[in-house]
Amino acid sequence: MPHRIAIERDLSAIGDHLAEQGLQVERVDMTDITSAQLKNYDAVVVSGQTTNFMGMEDRKAPVPVIEARGKTADEITAIVKERLQLQ
Protein backbone atom coordinates (compact mmCIF):
# COMPACT_ATOMS: atom_id res chain seq x y z
CA MET A 1 0.00 0.00 0.00
CA PRO A 2 1.46 3.38 -0.97
CA HIS A 3 2.36 5.89 1.69
CA ARG A 4 -0.23 8.66 2.09
CA ILE A 5 1.13 12.19 1.96
CA ALA A 6 -0.97 15.26 2.76
CA ILE A 7 0.20 18.27 0.80
CA GLU A 8 -0.90 21.87 0.98
CA ARG A 9 -3.12 22.73 -1.99
CA ASP A 10 -0.77 25.45 -3.26
CA LEU A 11 2.01 22.90 -3.81
CA SER A 12 0.52 21.08 -6.80
CA ALA A 13 3.80 20.70 -8.74
CA ILE A 14 5.45 19.11 -5.71
CA GLY A 15 2.41 16.90 -5.19
CA ASP A 16 2.62 15.75 -8.81
CA HIS A 17 6.31 14.95 -8.36
CA LEU A 18 5.64 12.91 -5.20
CA ALA A 19 2.84 11.02 -6.97
CA GLU A 20 5.23 10.18 -9.83
CA GLN A 21 7.47 8.59 -7.19
CA GLY A 22 4.68 6.20 -6.20
CA LEU A 23 3.38 8.06 -3.18
CA GLN A 24 -0.35 8.59 -2.64
CA VAL A 25 -0.82 12.37 -2.50
CA GLU A 26 -3.88 14.15 -1.14
CA ARG A 27 -4.12 17.91 -1.48
CA VAL A 28 -5.63 19.39 1.67
CA ASP A 29 -6.47 22.76 3.15
CA MET A 30 -4.07 22.94 6.09
CA THR A 31 -6.21 25.49 7.91
CA ASP A 32 -9.04 22.97 8.24
CA ILE A 33 -7.09 19.80 9.09
CA THR A 34 -7.09 18.44 12.64
CA SER A 35 -4.48 16.47 14.55
CA ALA A 36 -6.78 13.45 14.44
CA GLN A 37 -7.02 13.71 10.63
CA LEU A 38 -3.25 13.99 10.33
CA LYS A 39 -2.90 10.51 11.79
CA ASN A 40 -4.37 9.21 8.51
CA TYR A 41 -1.22 10.35 6.70
CA ASP A 42 2.39 9.20 6.78
CA ALA A 43 3.78 12.73 6.25
CA VAL A 44 2.63 16.29 5.58
CA VAL A 45 4.19 18.82 3.21
CA VAL A 46 3.44 22.49 3.93
CA SER A 47 4.45 25.64 2.07
CA GLY A 48 5.95 27.27 5.12
CA GLN A 49 3.72 30.32 4.67
CA THR A 50 1.71 29.42 7.75
CA THR A 51 3.92 29.88 10.77
CA ASN A 52 1.42 28.36 13.19
CA PHE A 53 0.39 25.21 11.29
CA MET A 54 -2.80 23.83 12.90
CA GLY A 55 -2.20 25.97 15.96
CA MET A 56 0.69 23.61 16.67
CA GLU A 57 3.38 26.22 17.20
CA ASP A 58 4.37 24.64 20.49
CA ARG A 59 3.12 21.06 19.97
CA LYS A 60 4.42 18.17 17.92
CA ALA A 61 2.45 16.90 14.93
CA PRO A 62 1.68 13.16 15.00
CA VAL A 63 3.47 12.69 11.64
CA PRO A 64 6.55 14.23 9.96
CA VAL A 65 5.89 17.78 8.71
CA ILE A 66 8.14 18.93 5.86
CA GLU A 67 8.37 22.62 5.02
CA ALA A 68 8.67 23.18 1.26
CA ARG A 69 9.88 26.80 1.37
CA GLY A 70 13.19 27.15 -0.49
CA LYS A 71 13.33 23.49 -1.58
CA THR A 72 12.97 21.85 -4.98
CA ALA A 73 10.55 19.01 -5.68
CA ASP A 74 13.51 16.60 -5.75
CA GLU A 75 14.72 17.83 -2.35
CA ILE A 76 11.27 17.46 -0.82
CA THR A 77 10.89 13.97 -2.28
CA ALA A 78 14.25 12.98 -0.80
CA ILE A 79 13.24 14.37 2.62
CA VAL A 80 9.88 12.56 2.53
CA LYS A 81 11.54 9.28 1.58
CA GLU A 82 14.17 9.73 4.29
CA ARG A 83 11.56 10.47 6.96
CA LEU A 84 9.54 7.44 5.84
CA GLN A 85 12.72 5.36 5.58
CA LEU A 86 12.09 4.52 1.92
CA GLN A 87 15.64 5.04 0.66
PDB file of N, CA and C in Angstrom:
ATOM      1  N   MET A   1       0.853  -1.184   0.000  1.00  0.00           N
ATOM      2  CA  MET A   1       0.000   0.000   0.000  1.00  0.00           C
ATOM      3  C   MET A   1       0.896   1.244   0.000  1.00  0.00           C
ATOM      4  N   PRO A   2       0.615   2.192  -0.897  1.00  0.00           N
ATOM      5  CA  PRO A   2       1.463   3.384  -0.972  1.00  0.00           C
ATOM      6  C   PRO A   2       1.330   4.244   0.284  1.00  0.00           C
ATOM      7  N   HIS A   3       2.396   4.965   0.564  1.00  0.00           N
ATOM      8  CA  HIS A   3       2.363   5.891   1.689  1.00  0.00           C
ATOM      9  C   HIS A   3       1.484   7.078   1.337  1.00  0.00           C
ATOM     10  N   ARG A   4       0.675   7.530   2.307  1.00  0.00           N
ATOM     11  CA  ARG A   4      -0.227   8.664   2.095  1.00  0.00           C
ATOM     12  C   ARG A   4       0.453   9.946   2.562  1.00  0.00           C
ATOM     13  N   ILE A   5       0.514  10.916   1.668  1.00  0.00           N
ATOM     14  CA  ILE A   5       1.130  12.190   1.957  1.00  0.00           C
ATOM     15  C   ILE A   5       0.085  13.288   1.800  1.00  0.00           C
ATOM     16  N   ALA A   6      -0.107  14.080   2.853  1.00  0.00           N
ATOM     17  CA  ALA A   6      -0.972  15.258   2.763  1.00  0.00           C
ATOM     18  C   ALA A   6      -0.095  16.406   2.297  1.00  0.00           C
ATOM     19  N   ILE A   7      -0.575  17.151   1.322  1.00  0.00           N
ATOM     20  CA  ILE A   7       0.204  18.269   0.801  1.00  0.00           C
ATOM     21  C   ILE A   7      -0.688  19.493   0.682  1.00  0.00           C
ATOM     22  N   GLU A   8      -0.149  20.624   1.059  1.00  0.00           N
ATOM     23  CA  GLU A   8      -0.900  21.866   0.984  1.00  0.00           C
ATOM     24  C   GLU A   8      -1.315  22.126  -0.459  1.00  0.00           C
ATOM     25  N   ARG A   9      -2.549  22.560  -0.650  1.00  0.00           N
ATOM     26  CA  ARG A   9      -3.120  22.735  -1.993  1.00  0.00           C
ATOM     27  C   ARG A   9      -2.258  23.572  -2.928  1.00  0.00           C
ATOM     28  N   ASP A  10      -1.574  24.560  -2.412  1.00  0.00           N
ATOM     29  CA  ASP A  10      -0.771  25.451  -3.256  1.00  0.00           C
ATOM     30  C   ASP A  10       0.472  24.782  -3.826  1.00  0.00           C
ATOM     31  N   LEU A  11       0.772  23.582  -3.409  1.00  0.00           N
ATOM     32  CA  LEU A  11       2.008  22.905  -3.810  1.00  0.00           C
ATOM     33  C   LEU A  11       1.743  21.810  -4.843  1.00  0.00           C
ATOM     34  N   SER A  12       0.939  22.108  -5.844  1.00  0.00           N
ATOM     35  CA  SER A  12       0.516  21.084  -6.801  1.00  0.00           C
ATOM     36  C   SER A  12       1.677  20.469  -7.580  1.00  0.00           C
ATOM     37  N   ALA A  13       2.667  21.255  -7.979  1.00  0.00           N
ATOM     38  CA  ALA A  13       3.797  20.703  -8.739  1.00  0.00           C
ATOM     39  C   ALA A  13       4.580  19.705  -7.884  1.00  0.00           C
ATOM     40  N   ILE A  14       4.754  20.025  -6.620  1.00  0.00           N
ATOM     41  CA  ILE A  14       5.454  19.109  -5.712  1.00  0.00           C
ATOM     42  C   ILE A  14       4.605  17.865  -5.484  1.00  0.00           C
ATOM     43  N   GLY A  15       3.305  18.043  -5.351  1.00  0.00           N
ATOM     44  CA  GLY A  15       2.410  16.895  -5.191  1.00  0.00           C
ATOM     45  C   GLY A  15       2.469  15.969  -6.393  1.00  0.00           C
ATOM     46  N   ASP A  16       2.509  16.554  -7.583  1.00  0.00           N
ATOM     47  CA  ASP A  16       2.616  15.751  -8.808  1.00  0.00           C
ATOM     48  C   ASP A  16       3.924  14.955  -8.810  1.00  0.00           C
ATOM     49  N   HIS A  17       5.007  15.607  -8.398  1.00  0.00           N
ATOM     50  CA  HIS A  17       6.314  14.945  -8.359  1.00  0.00           C
ATOM     51  C   HIS A  17       6.307  13.779  -7.359  1.00  0.00           C
ATOM     52  N   LEU A  18       5.724  13.986  -6.197  1.00  0.00           N
ATOM     53  CA  LEU A  18       5.643  12.912  -5.200  1.00  0.00           C
ATOM     54  C   LEU A  18       4.798  11.745  -5.722  1.00  0.00           C
ATOM     55  N   ALA A  19       3.710  12.066  -6.415  1.00  0.00           N
ATOM     56  CA  ALA A  19       2.842  11.018  -6.975  1.00  0.00           C
ATOM     57  C   ALA A  19       3.596  10.212  -8.033  1.00  0.00           C
ATOM     58  N   GLU A  20       4.432  10.879  -8.824  1.00  0.00           N
ATOM     59  CA  GLU A  20       5.233  10.184  -9.834  1.00  0.00           C
ATOM     60  C   GLU A  20       6.221   9.212  -9.185  1.00  0.00           C
ATOM     61  N   GLN A  21       6.553   9.456  -7.933  1.00  0.00           N
ATOM     62  CA  GLN A  21       7.475   8.592  -7.190  1.00  0.00           C
ATOM     63  C   GLN A  21       6.742   7.440  -6.494  1.00  0.00           C
ATOM     64  N   GLY A  22       5.438   7.311  -6.752  1.00  0.00           N
ATOM     65  CA  GLY A  22       4.677   6.196  -6.203  1.00  0.00           C
ATOM     66  C   GLY A  22       4.020   6.464  -4.865  1.00  0.00           C
ATOM     67  N   LEU A  23       4.019   7.708  -4.437  1.00  0.00           N
ATOM     68  CA  LEU A  23       3.377   8.056  -3.176  1.00  0.00           C
ATOM     69  C   LEU A  23       1.942   8.494  -3.431  1.00  0.00           C
ATOM     70  N   GLN A  24       1.048   8.179  -2.514  1.00  0.00           N
ATOM     71  CA  GLN A  24      -0.349   8.592  -2.637  1.00  0.00           C
ATOM     72  C   GLN A  24      -0.463  10.001  -2.057  1.00  0.00           C
ATOM     73  N   VAL A  25      -0.785  10.972  -2.898  1.00  0.00           N
ATOM     74  CA  VAL A  25      -0.816  12.372  -2.498  1.00  0.00           C
ATOM     75  C   VAL A  25      -2.252  12.853  -2.405  1.00  0.00           C
ATOM     76  N   GLU A  26      -2.565  13.525  -1.304  1.00  0.00           N
ATOM     77  CA  GLU A  26      -3.875  14.151  -1.137  1.00  0.00           C
ATOM     78  C   GLU A  26      -3.656  15.625  -0.841  1.00  0.00           C
ATOM     79  N   ARG A  27      -4.231  16.468  -1.681  1.00  0.00           N
ATOM     80  CA  ARG A  27      -4.117  17.913  -1.475  1.00  0.00           C
ATOM     81  C   ARG A  27      -5.171  18.336  -0.459  1.00  0.00           C
ATOM     82  N   VAL A  28      -4.721  19.021   0.576  1.00  0.00           N
ATOM     83  CA  VAL A  28      -5.630  19.392   1.667  1.00  0.00           C
ATOM     84  C   VAL A  28      -5.471  20.871   2.010  1.00  0.00           C
ATOM     85  N   ASP A  29      -6.506  21.396   2.634  1.00  0.00           N
ATOM     86  CA  ASP A  29      -6.471  22.755   3.155  1.00  0.00           C
ATOM     87  C   ASP A  29      -5.946  22.665   4.583  1.00  0.00           C
ATOM     88  N   MET A  30      -4.731  23.104   4.789  1.00  0.00           N
ATOM     89  CA  MET A  30      -4.075  22.942   6.087  1.00  0.00           C
ATOM     90  C   MET A  30      -4.749  23.723   7.203  1.00  0.00           C
ATOM     91  N   THR A  31      -5.547  24.730   6.859  1.00  0.00           N
ATOM     92  CA  THR A  31      -6.207  25.492   7.909  1.00  0.00           C
ATOM     93  C   THR A  31      -7.382  24.728   8.496  1.00  0.00           C
ATOM     94  N   ASP A  32      -7.877  23.728   7.774  1.00  0.00           N
ATOM     95  CA  ASP A  32      -9.035  22.966   8.237  1.00  0.00           C
ATOM     96  C   ASP A  32      -8.694  21.591   8.801  1.00  0.00           C
ATOM     97  N   ILE A  33      -7.444  21.157   8.700  1.00  0.00           N
ATOM     98  CA  ILE A  33      -7.091  19.798   9.093  1.00  0.00           C
ATOM     99  C   ILE A  33      -6.854  19.731  10.609  1.00  0.00           C
ATOM    100  N   THR A  34      -7.252  18.622  11.201  1.00  0.00           N
ATOM    101  CA  THR A  34      -7.085  18.438  12.643  1.00  0.00           C
ATOM    102  C   THR A  34      -5.967  17.432  12.920  1.00  0.00           C
ATOM    103  N   SER A  35      -5.517  17.417  14.150  1.00  0.00           N
ATOM    104  CA  SER A  35      -4.481  16.467  14.548  1.00  0.00           C
ATOM    105  C   SER A  35      -4.967  15.037  14.341  1.00  0.00           C
ATOM    106  N   ALA A  36      -6.220  14.788  14.624  1.00  0.00           N
ATOM    107  CA  ALA A  36      -6.785  13.450  14.437  1.00  0.00           C
ATOM    108  C   ALA A  36      -6.766  13.047  12.960  1.00  0.00           C
ATOM    109  N   GLN A  37      -7.049  13.989  12.069  1.00  0.00           N
ATOM    110  CA  GLN A  37      -7.022  13.705  10.635  1.00  0.00           C
ATOM    111  C   GLN A  37      -5.598  13.462  10.151  1.00  0.00           C
ATOM    112  N   LEU A  38      -4.648  14.165  10.737  1.00  0.00           N
ATOM    113  CA  LEU A  38      -3.251  13.992  10.330  1.00  0.00           C
ATOM    114  C   LEU A  38      -2.769  12.569  10.537  1.00  0.00           C
ATOM    115  N   LYS A  39      -3.314  11.885  11.508  1.00  0.00           N
ATOM    116  CA  LYS A  39      -2.900  10.508  11.795  1.00  0.00           C
ATOM    117  C   LYS A  39      -3.203   9.564  10.643  1.00  0.00           C
ATOM    118  N   ASN A  40      -4.044  10.017   9.687  1.00  0.00           N
ATOM    119  CA  ASN A  40      -4.365   9.209   8.512  1.00  0.00           C
ATOM    120  C   ASN A  40      -3.279   9.285   7.444  1.00  0.00           C
ATOM    121  N   TYR A  41      -2.282  10.147   7.666  1.00  0.00           N
ATOM    122  CA  TYR A  41      -1.218  10.351   6.695  1.00  0.00           C
ATOM    123  C   TYR A  41       0.112   9.891   7.269  1.00  0.00           C
ATOM    124  N   ASP A  42       1.043   9.607   6.368  1.00  0.00           N
ATOM    125  CA  ASP A  42       2.388   9.205   6.785  1.00  0.00           C
ATOM    126  C   ASP A  42       3.326  10.400   6.887  1.00  0.00           C
ATOM    127  N   ALA A  43       2.992  11.495   6.193  1.00  0.00           N
ATOM    128  CA  ALA A  43       3.779  12.732   6.247  1.00  0.00           C
ATOM    129  C   ALA A  43       2.917  13.861   5.709  1.00  0.00           C
ATOM    130  N   VAL A  44       3.343  15.090   6.029  1.00  0.00           N
ATOM    131  CA  VAL A  44       2.634  16.289   5.583  1.00  0.00           C
ATOM    132  C   VAL A  44       3.658  17.247   4.993  1.00  0.00           C
ATOM    133  N   VAL A  45       3.325  17.819   3.835  1.00  0.00           N
ATOM    134  CA  VAL A  45       4.190  18.821   3.215  1.00  0.00           C
ATOM    135  C   VAL A  45       3.440  20.145   3.216  1.00  0.00           C
ATOM    136  N   VAL A  46       4.051  21.164   3.838  1.00  0.00           N
ATOM    137  CA  VAL A  46       3.440  22.489   3.926  1.00  0.00           C
ATOM    138  C   VAL A  46       4.317  23.501   3.211  1.00  0.00           C
ATOM    139  N   SER A  47       3.716  24.614   2.809  1.00  0.00           N
ATOM    140  CA  SER A  47       4.455  25.638   2.070  1.00  0.00           C
ATOM    141  C   SER A  47       5.429  26.396   2.957  1.00  0.00           C
ATOM    142  N   GLY A  48       5.117  26.481   4.225  1.00  0.00           N
ATOM    143  CA  GLY A  48       5.946  27.275   5.122  1.00  0.00           C
ATOM    144  C   GLY A  48       5.405  28.682   5.275  1.00  0.00           C
ATOM    145  N   GLN A  49       4.346  29.000   4.564  1.00  0.00           N
ATOM    146  CA  GLN A  49       3.722  30.325   4.667  1.00  0.00           C
ATOM    147  C   GLN A  49       2.979  30.484   5.983  1.00  0.00           C
ATOM    148  N   THR A  50       2.437  29.385   6.491  1.00  0.00           N
ATOM    149  CA  THR A  50       1.705  29.420   7.748  1.00  0.00           C
ATOM    150  C   THR A  50       2.677  29.120   8.872  1.00  0.00           C
ATOM    151  N   THR A  51       2.939  30.073   9.703  1.00  0.00           N
ATOM    152  CA  THR A  51       3.920  29.877  10.770  1.00  0.00           C
ATOM    153  C   THR A  51       3.350  29.077  11.934  1.00  0.00           C
ATOM    154  N   ASN A  52       2.049  29.084  12.081  1.00  0.00           N
ATOM    155  CA  ASN A  52       1.423  28.361  13.186  1.00  0.00           C
ATOM    156  C   ASN A  52       0.517  27.279  12.616  1.00  0.00           C
ATOM    157  N   PHE A  53       1.104  26.305  11.938  1.00  0.00           N
ATOM    158  CA  PHE A  53       0.389  25.209  11.294  1.00  0.00           C
ATOM    159  C   PHE A  53      -0.512  24.495  12.296  1.00  0.00           C
ATOM    160  N   MET A  54      -1.801  24.504  12.060  1.00  0.00           N
ATOM    161  CA  MET A  54      -2.801  23.835  12.903  1.00  0.00           C
ATOM    162  C   MET A  54      -2.798  24.332  14.334  1.00  0.00           C
ATOM    163  N   GLY A  55      -2.281  25.504  14.589  1.00  0.00           N
ATOM    164  CA  GLY A  55      -2.198  25.968  15.961  1.00  0.00           C
ATOM    165  C   GLY A  55      -1.186  25.163  16.751  1.00  0.00           C
ATOM    166  N   MET A  56      -0.247  24.537  16.045  1.00  0.00           N
ATOM    167  CA  MET A  56       0.690  23.608  16.674  1.00  0.00           C
ATOM    168  C   MET A  56       2.066  24.226  16.863  1.00  0.00           C
ATOM    169  N   GLU A  57       2.109  25.522  17.038  1.00  0.00           N
ATOM    170  CA  GLU A  57       3.376  26.218  17.198  1.00  0.00           C
ATOM    171  C   GLU A  57       4.226  25.597  18.294  1.00  0.00           C
ATOM    172  N   ASP A  58       3.610  25.173  19.359  1.00  0.00           N
ATOM    173  CA  ASP A  58       4.365  24.644  20.489  1.00  0.00           C
ATOM    174  C   ASP A  58       4.056  23.172  20.775  1.00  0.00           C
ATOM    175  N   ARG A  59       3.414  22.486  19.824  1.00  0.00           N
ATOM    176  CA  ARG A  59       3.121  21.063  19.973  1.00  0.00           C
ATOM    177  C   ARG A  59       3.717  20.294  18.820  1.00  0.00           C
ATOM    178  N   LYS A  60       3.903  19.017  18.998  1.00  0.00           N
ATOM    179  CA  LYS A  60       4.422  18.167  17.918  1.00  0.00           C
ATOM    180  C   LYS A  60       3.263  17.594  17.118  1.00  0.00           C
ATOM    181  N   ALA A  61       3.432  17.552  15.793  1.00  0.00           N
ATOM    182  CA  ALA A  61       2.451  16.901  14.927  1.00  0.00           C
ATOM    183  C   ALA A  61       2.640  15.395  15.060  1.00  0.00           C
ATOM    184  N   PRO A  62       1.574  14.618  14.860  1.00  0.00           N
ATOM    185  CA  PRO A  62       1.680  13.163  15.002  1.00  0.00           C
ATOM    186  C   PRO A  62       2.406  12.472  13.845  1.00  0.00           C
ATOM    187  N   VAL A  63       2.753  13.225  12.805  1.00  0.00           N
ATOM    188  CA  VAL A  63       3.467  12.692  11.638  1.00  0.00           C
ATOM    189  C   VAL A  63       4.541  13.699  11.235  1.00  0.00           C
ATOM    190  N   PRO A  64       5.532  13.278  10.421  1.00  0.00           N
ATOM    191  CA  PRO A  64       6.549  14.233   9.962  1.00  0.00           C
ATOM    192  C   PRO A  64       5.928  15.372   9.152  1.00  0.00           C
ATOM    193  N   VAL A  65       6.329  16.592   9.452  1.00  0.00           N
ATOM    194  CA  VAL A  65       5.885  17.783   8.711  1.00  0.00           C
ATOM    195  C   VAL A  65       7.103  18.347   8.002  1.00  0.00           C
ATOM    196  N   ILE A  66       7.026  18.436   6.670  1.00  0.00           N
ATOM    197  CA  ILE A  66       8.135  18.925   5.861  1.00  0.00           C
ATOM    198  C   ILE A  66       7.763  20.287   5.300  1.00  0.00           C
ATOM    199  N   GLU A  67       8.598  21.275   5.547  1.00  0.00           N
ATOM    200  CA  GLU A  67       8.367  22.620   5.022  1.00  0.00           C
ATOM    201  C   GLU A  67       9.005  22.719   3.640  1.00  0.00           C
ATOM    202  N   ALA A  68       8.213  23.137   2.651  1.00  0.00           N
ATOM    203  CA  ALA A  68       8.671  23.184   1.263  1.00  0.00           C
ATOM    204  C   ALA A  68       9.421  24.466   0.916  1.00  0.00           C
ATOM    205  N   ARG A  69       9.287  25.491   1.708  1.00  0.00           N
ATOM    206  CA  ARG A  69       9.884  26.796   1.370  1.00  0.00           C
ATOM    207  C   ARG A  69      11.377  26.663   1.091  1.00  0.00           C
ATOM    208  N   GLY A  70      11.787  27.142  -0.111  1.00  0.00           N
ATOM    209  CA  GLY A  70      13.188  27.152  -0.491  1.00  0.00           C
ATOM    210  C   GLY A  70      13.737  25.821  -0.979  1.00  0.00           C
ATOM    211  N   LYS A  71      12.867  24.823  -1.152  1.00  0.00           N
ATOM    212  CA  LYS A  71      13.332  23.495  -1.578  1.00  0.00           C
ATOM    213  C   LYS A  71      12.734  23.137  -2.937  1.00  0.00           C
ATOM    214  N   THR A  72      13.476  22.339  -3.700  1.00  0.00           N
ATOM    215  CA  THR A  72      12.972  21.847  -4.980  1.00  0.00           C
ATOM    216  C   THR A  72      12.098  20.614  -4.741  1.00  0.00           C
ATOM    217  N   ALA A  73      11.371  20.216  -5.775  1.00  0.00           N
ATOM    218  CA  ALA A  73      10.547  19.009  -5.682  1.00  0.00           C
ATOM    219  C   ALA A  73      11.412  17.788  -5.390  1.00  0.00           C
ATOM    220  N   ASP A  74      12.602  17.721  -6.002  1.00  0.00           N
ATOM    221  CA  ASP A  74      13.512  16.598  -5.749  1.00  0.00           C
ATOM    222  C   ASP A  74      13.972  16.580  -4.288  1.00  0.00           C
ATOM    223  N   GLU A  75      14.285  17.750  -3.745  1.00  0.00           N
ATOM    224  CA  GLU A  75      14.721  17.827  -2.350  1.00  0.00           C
ATOM    225  C   GLU A  75      13.616  17.396  -1.396  1.00  0.00           C
ATOM    226  N   ILE A  76      12.400  17.839  -1.672  1.00  0.00           N
ATOM    227  CA  ILE A  76      11.268  17.462  -0.819  1.00  0.00           C
ATOM    228  C   ILE A  76      11.011  15.971  -0.909  1.00  0.00           C
ATOM    229  N   THR A  77      11.074  15.411  -2.112  1.00  0.00           N
ATOM    230  CA  THR A  77      10.890  13.973  -2.280  1.00  0.00           C
ATOM    231  C   THR A  77      11.931  13.199  -1.488  1.00  0.00           C
ATOM    232  N   ALA A  78      13.183  13.641  -1.551  1.00  0.00           N
ATOM    233  CA  ALA A  78      14.252  12.980  -0.796  1.00  0.00           C
ATOM    234  C   ALA A  78      13.997  13.058   0.709  1.00  0.00           C
ATOM    235  N   ILE A  79      13.534  14.202   1.180  1.00  0.00           N
ATOM    236  CA  ILE A  79      13.241  14.365   2.619  1.00  0.00           C
ATOM    237  C   ILE A  79      12.091  13.457   3.029  1.00  0.00           C
ATOM    238  N   VAL A  80      11.029  13.423   2.218  1.00  0.00           N
ATOM    239  CA  VAL A  80       9.876  12.559   2.529  1.00  0.00           C
ATOM    240  C   VAL A  80      10.329  11.103   2.599  1.00  0.00           C
ATOM    241  N   LYS A  81      11.088  10.670   1.601  1.00  0.00           N
ATOM    242  CA  LYS A  81      11.545   9.281   1.584  1.00  0.00           C
ATOM    243  C   LYS A  81      12.451   8.977   2.774  1.00  0.00           C
ATOM    244  N   GLU A  82      13.292   9.927   3.131  1.00  0.00           N
ATOM    245  CA  GLU A  82      14.173   9.733   4.294  1.00  0.00           C
ATOM    246  C   GLU A  82      13.360   9.613   5.573  1.00  0.00           C
ATOM    247  N   ARG A  83      12.387  10.494   5.743  1.00  0.00           N
ATOM    248  CA  ARG A  83      11.562  10.467   6.959  1.00  0.00           C
ATOM    249  C   ARG A  83      10.732   9.189   7.040  1.00  0.00           C
ATOM    250  N   LEU A  84      10.339   8.669   5.866  1.00  0.00           N
ATOM    251  CA  LEU A  84       9.542   7.437   5.836  1.00  0.00           C
ATOM    252  C   LEU A  84      10.425   6.200   5.708  1.00  0.00           C
ATOM    253  N   GLN A  85      11.724   6.427   5.698  1.00  0.00           N
ATOM    254  CA  GLN A  85      12.720   5.355   5.584  1.00  0.00           C
ATOM    255  C   GLN A  85      12.491   4.502   4.346  1.00  0.00           C
ATOM    256  N   LEU A  86      12.344   5.197   3.202  1.00  0.00           N
ATOM    257  CA  LEU A  86      12.089   4.517   1.917  1.00  0.00           C
ATOM    258  C   LEU A  86      13.338   4.464   1.047  1.00  0.00           C
ATOM    259  N   GLN A  87      14.460   5.000   1.511  1.00  0.00           N
ATOM    260  CA  GLN A  87      15.644   5.040   0.657  1.00  0.00           C
ATOM    261  C   GLN A  87      16.537   3.852   0.908  1.00  0.00           C
TER     262      GLN A  87
END
